[in-house]
Amino acid sequence: MIVKRIDVTPLQEFSPETGGSGKVAFITDTGDVIFDCQVRPGRDADKRNPMKALISEALRQVKRMPEYRISKSYMKFAPGVLPEEFAI
């Protein structure tokens, strides 16, 4: 599965004090994989902008998927789709 685009939809106003929530969609040719993400206040929210914090949470969830744990090649990202600081 090759992710060609990432769409982030914040559902709650985001701040370092309150954190935030949103939906992150990894768009592929065969369909979308959508994650409900919650970013806790404090350090997780402090160091990133809202979009990057939500993407980070979605990637954390991907790494917990059985499909990913069995085969690390289950989900790949097209060049330039994933922000530089993320490596999966």
N, C-alpha and C. Protein backbone atom coordinates (compact mmCIF):
# COMPACT_ATOMS: atom_id res chain seq x y z
N MET A 1 0.85 -1.17 0.00
CA MET A 1 0.00 0.00 0.00
C MET A 1 0.90 1.23 0.00
N ILE A 2 0.72 2.08 -0.98
CA ILE A 2 1.53 3.30 -1.09
C ILE A 2 0.62 4.51 -0.83
N VAL A 3 0.96 5.27 0.19
CA VAL A 3 0.19 6.47 0.54
C VAL A 3 0.64 7.60 -0.37
N LYS A 4 -0.33 8.18 -1.09
CA LYS A 4 -0.01 9.24 -2.05
C LYS A 4 -0.34 10.63 -1.53
N ARG A 5 -1.15 10.68 -0.45
CA ARG A 5 -1.54 11.99 0.11
C ARG A 5 -1.98 11.78 1.55
N ILE A 6 -1.79 12.81 2.36
CA ILE A 6 -2.26 12.79 3.74
C ILE A 6 -3.20 13.98 3.93
N ASP A 7 -4.41 13.69 4.40
CA ASP A 7 -5.37 14.75 4.71
C ASP A 7 -5.57 14.78 6.23
N VAL A 8 -5.50 15.98 6.80
CA VAL A 8 -5.68 16.14 8.25
C VAL A 8 -6.87 17.07 8.48
N THR A 9 -7.82 16.61 9.30
CA THR A 9 -9.00 17.41 9.64
C THR A 9 -9.06 17.58 11.15
N PRO A 10 -8.66 18.76 11.66
CA PRO A 10 -8.77 18.99 13.10
C PRO A 10 -10.24 19.03 13.50
N LEU A 11 -10.58 18.39 14.62
CA LEU A 11 -11.97 18.39 15.10
C LEU A 11 -12.15 19.29 16.31
N GLN A 12 -11.07 19.56 16.99
CA GLN A 12 -11.11 20.36 18.21
C GLN A 12 -9.98 21.37 18.12
N GLU A 13 -10.22 22.58 18.58
CA GLU A 13 -9.15 23.58 18.54
C GLU A 13 -7.93 23.07 19.29
N PHE A 14 -6.78 23.29 18.71
CA PHE A 14 -5.55 22.71 19.21
C PHE A 14 -4.71 23.77 19.93
N SER A 15 -4.22 23.43 21.11
CA SER A 15 -3.27 24.29 21.81
C SER A 15 -2.39 23.42 22.69
N PRO A 16 -1.18 23.88 23.04
CA PRO A 16 -0.31 23.09 23.92
C PRO A 16 -0.95 22.81 25.28
N GLU A 17 -1.84 23.69 25.72
CA GLU A 17 -2.47 23.52 27.03
C GLU A 17 -3.58 22.47 27.00
N THR A 18 -4.29 22.37 25.89
CA THR A 18 -5.44 21.45 25.83
C THR A 18 -5.20 20.25 24.93
N GLY A 19 -4.16 20.29 24.09
CA GLY A 19 -3.98 19.23 23.10
C GLY A 19 -4.99 19.43 21.99
N GLY A 20 -5.49 18.36 21.44
CA GLY A 20 -6.49 18.48 20.38
C GLY A 20 -6.80 17.12 19.79
N SER A 21 -7.78 17.11 18.91
CA SER A 21 -8.14 15.86 18.26
C SER A 21 -8.43 16.14 16.80
N GLY A 22 -8.43 15.08 16.01
CA GLY A 22 -8.72 15.23 14.60
C GLY A 22 -8.70 13.89 13.89
N LYS A 23 -8.94 13.94 12.62
CA LYS A 23 -8.90 12.75 11.77
C LYS A 23 -7.75 12.91 10.79
N VAL A 24 -7.01 11.82 10.60
CA VAL A 24 -5.91 11.79 9.63
C VAL A 24 -6.23 10.70 8.64
N ALA A 25 -6.25 11.05 7.36
CA ALA A 25 -6.54 10.08 6.30
C ALA A 25 -5.29 9.88 5.45
N PHE A 26 -4.87 8.64 5.31
CA PHE A 26 -3.80 8.28 4.39
C PHE A 26 -4.49 7.81 3.11
N ILE A 27 -4.31 8.56 2.03
CA ILE A 27 -5.00 8.31 0.77
C ILE A 27 -4.12 7.43 -0.12
N THR A 28 -4.68 6.31 -0.60
CA THR A 28 -3.97 5.40 -1.50
C THR A 28 -4.81 5.19 -2.75
N ASP A 29 -4.26 4.50 -3.72
CA ASP A 29 -5.02 4.19 -4.93
C ASP A 29 -6.16 3.22 -4.67
N THR A 30 -6.01 2.40 -3.65
CA THR A 30 -7.02 1.37 -3.37
C THR A 30 -8.02 1.78 -2.31
N GLY A 31 -7.85 2.93 -1.70
CA GLY A 31 -8.78 3.40 -0.67
C GLY A 31 -8.08 4.28 0.35
N ASP A 32 -8.83 4.64 1.36
CA ASP A 32 -8.32 5.51 2.42
C ASP A 32 -8.20 4.73 3.72
N VAL A 33 -7.19 5.08 4.51
CA VAL A 33 -7.05 4.56 5.86
C VAL A 33 -7.20 5.77 6.77
N ILE A 34 -8.24 5.76 7.60
CA ILE A 34 -8.58 6.93 8.41
C ILE A 34 -8.36 6.62 9.89
N PHE A 35 -7.68 7.53 10.56
CA PHE A 35 -7.37 7.37 11.98
C PHE A 35 -8.01 8.50 12.77
N ASP A 36 -8.64 8.15 13.89
CA ASP A 36 -9.10 9.15 14.87
C ASP A 36 -7.92 9.38 15.80
N CYS A 37 -7.49 10.63 15.90
CA CYS A 37 -6.28 10.94 16.66
C CYS A 37 -6.58 11.93 17.79
N GLN A 38 -5.95 11.67 18.91
CA GLN A 38 -6.04 12.55 20.08
C GLN A 38 -4.62 12.88 20.50
N VAL A 39 -4.29 14.17 20.59
CA VAL A 39 -2.97 14.60 21.03
C VAL A 39 -3.13 15.20 22.41
N ARG A 40 -2.39 14.64 23.36
CA ARG A 40 -2.48 15.10 24.74
C ARG A 40 -1.78 16.44 24.93
N PRO A 41 -2.23 17.20 25.90
CA PRO A 41 -1.55 18.47 26.18
C PRO A 41 -0.15 18.21 26.72
N GLY A 42 0.66 19.25 26.68
CA GLY A 42 2.01 19.14 27.22
C GLY A 42 3.05 18.93 26.15
N ARG A 43 4.01 18.08 26.47
CA ARG A 43 5.18 17.90 25.61
C ARG A 43 4.83 17.48 24.18
N ASP A 44 3.88 16.54 24.00
CA ASP A 44 3.51 16.09 22.66
C ASP A 44 2.98 17.25 21.82
N ALA A 45 2.16 18.08 22.43
CA ALA A 45 1.55 19.19 21.70
C ALA A 45 2.50 20.38 21.58
N ASP A 46 3.39 20.53 22.55
CA ASP A 46 4.27 21.69 22.61
C ASP A 46 5.24 21.77 21.44
N LYS A 47 5.82 20.65 21.06
CA LYS A 47 6.95 20.68 20.14
C LYS A 47 6.56 20.67 18.67
N ARG A 48 5.30 20.50 18.37
CA ARG A 48 4.90 20.39 16.97
C ARG A 48 3.71 21.28 16.67
N ASN A 49 3.56 21.58 15.39
CA ASN A 49 2.33 22.27 15.01
C ASN A 49 1.20 21.23 15.00
N PRO A 50 -0.04 21.64 14.99
CA PRO A 50 -1.16 20.70 15.09
C PRO A 50 -1.15 19.61 14.03
N MET A 51 -0.86 19.97 12.79
CA MET A 51 -0.87 18.98 11.70
C MET A 51 0.17 17.89 11.95
N LYS A 52 1.38 18.30 12.32
CA LYS A 52 2.45 17.32 12.55
C LYS A 52 2.16 16.47 13.77
N ALA A 53 1.56 17.06 14.80
CA ALA A 53 1.22 16.29 15.99
C ALA A 53 0.18 15.22 15.67
N LEU A 54 -0.82 15.56 14.86
CA LEU A 54 -1.85 14.59 14.50
C LEU A 54 -1.27 13.50 13.58
N ILE A 55 -0.41 13.87 12.65
CA ILE A 55 0.24 12.87 11.78
C ILE A 55 1.10 11.94 12.62
N SER A 56 1.81 12.48 13.59
CA SER A 56 2.64 11.67 14.46
C SER A 56 1.80 10.64 15.20
N GLU A 57 0.64 11.04 15.68
CA GLU A 57 -0.26 10.11 16.37
C GLU A 57 -0.77 9.04 15.41
N ALA A 58 -1.10 9.42 14.18
CA ALA A 58 -1.56 8.42 13.20
C ALA A 58 -0.45 7.41 12.90
N LEU A 59 0.78 7.87 12.78
CA LEU A 59 1.91 6.95 12.54
C LEU A 59 2.13 6.02 13.72
N ARG A 60 1.91 6.51 14.93
CA ARG A 60 2.01 5.66 16.12
C ARG A 60 0.98 4.53 16.03
N GLN A 61 -0.22 4.88 15.58
CA GLN A 61 -1.27 3.88 15.44
C GLN A 61 -0.93 2.87 14.34
N VAL A 62 -0.36 3.34 13.24
CA VAL A 62 0.04 2.44 12.16
C VAL A 62 1.01 1.38 12.68
N LYS A 63 1.97 1.81 13.48
CA LYS A 63 2.98 0.88 13.98
C LYS A 63 2.39 -0.18 14.91
N ARG A 64 1.20 0.04 15.40
CA ARG A 64 0.54 -0.95 16.26
C ARG A 64 -0.36 -1.90 15.48
N MET A 65 -0.59 -1.62 14.20
CA MET A 65 -1.44 -2.49 13.38
C MET A 65 -0.76 -3.84 13.16
N PRO A 66 -1.51 -4.94 13.29
CA PRO A 66 -0.91 -6.25 13.06
C PRO A 66 -0.30 -6.39 11.66
N GLU A 67 -0.96 -5.80 10.67
CA GLU A 67 -0.46 -5.88 9.30
C GLU A 67 0.93 -5.25 9.18
N TYR A 68 1.13 -4.14 9.87
CA TYR A 68 2.43 -3.46 9.84
C TYR A 68 3.48 -4.25 10.62
N ARG A 69 3.10 -4.78 11.77
CA ARG A 69 4.06 -5.52 12.59
C ARG A 69 4.53 -6.79 11.89
N ILE A 70 3.65 -7.42 11.11
CA ILE A 70 4.02 -8.64 10.38
C ILE A 70 4.94 -8.30 9.22
N SER A 71 4.61 -7.22 8.50
CA SER A 71 5.40 -6.84 7.33
C SER A 71 5.58 -5.34 7.32
N LYS A 72 6.78 -4.87 7.60
CA LYS A 72 7.06 -3.43 7.65
C LYS A 72 6.80 -2.76 6.31
N SER A 73 6.69 -3.54 5.24
CA SER A 73 6.44 -2.96 3.92
C SER A 73 4.94 -2.81 3.65
N TYR A 74 4.10 -3.12 4.65
CA TYR A 74 2.65 -3.02 4.48
C TYR A 74 2.22 -1.63 4.02
N MET A 75 2.80 -0.59 4.60
CA MET A 75 2.44 0.77 4.26
C MET A 75 3.70 1.57 3.96
N LYS A 76 3.76 2.11 2.76
CA LYS A 76 4.88 2.96 2.36
C LYS A 76 4.31 4.30 1.94
N PHE A 77 5.18 5.31 1.95
CA PHE A 77 4.76 6.66 1.58
C PHE A 77 5.49 7.09 0.32
N ALA A 78 4.75 7.67 -0.61
CA ALA A 78 5.36 8.19 -1.83
C ALA A 78 6.33 9.30 -1.45
N PRO A 79 7.35 9.53 -2.26
CA PRO A 79 8.32 10.58 -1.96
C PRO A 79 7.64 11.94 -1.78
N GLY A 80 8.01 12.64 -0.72
CA GLY A 80 7.50 13.98 -0.46
C GLY A 80 6.17 14.03 0.27
N VAL A 81 5.54 12.89 0.53
CA VAL A 81 4.23 12.89 1.20
C VAL A 81 4.39 13.10 2.70
N LEU A 82 5.33 12.40 3.28
CA LEU A 82 5.55 12.46 4.72
C LEU A 82 6.51 13.60 5.05
N PRO A 83 6.18 14.44 6.04
CA PRO A 83 7.14 15.49 6.43
C PRO A 83 8.50 14.88 6.77
N GLU A 84 9.56 15.62 6.52
CA GLU A 84 10.93 15.13 6.63
C GLU A 84 11.28 14.52 7.98
N GLU A 85 10.75 15.07 9.06
CA GLU A 85 11.16 14.60 10.38
C GLU A 85 10.56 13.24 10.76
N PHE A 86 9.66 12.73 9.93
CA PHE A 86 9.06 11.43 10.22
C PHE A 86 9.74 10.36 9.39
N ALA A 87 9.99 9.25 10.03
CA ALA A 87 10.52 8.08 9.32
C ALA A 87 9.77 6.86 9.85
N ILE A 88 9.26 6.08 8.94
CA ILE A 88 8.48 4.92 9.37
C ILE A 88 9.23 3.65 9.02
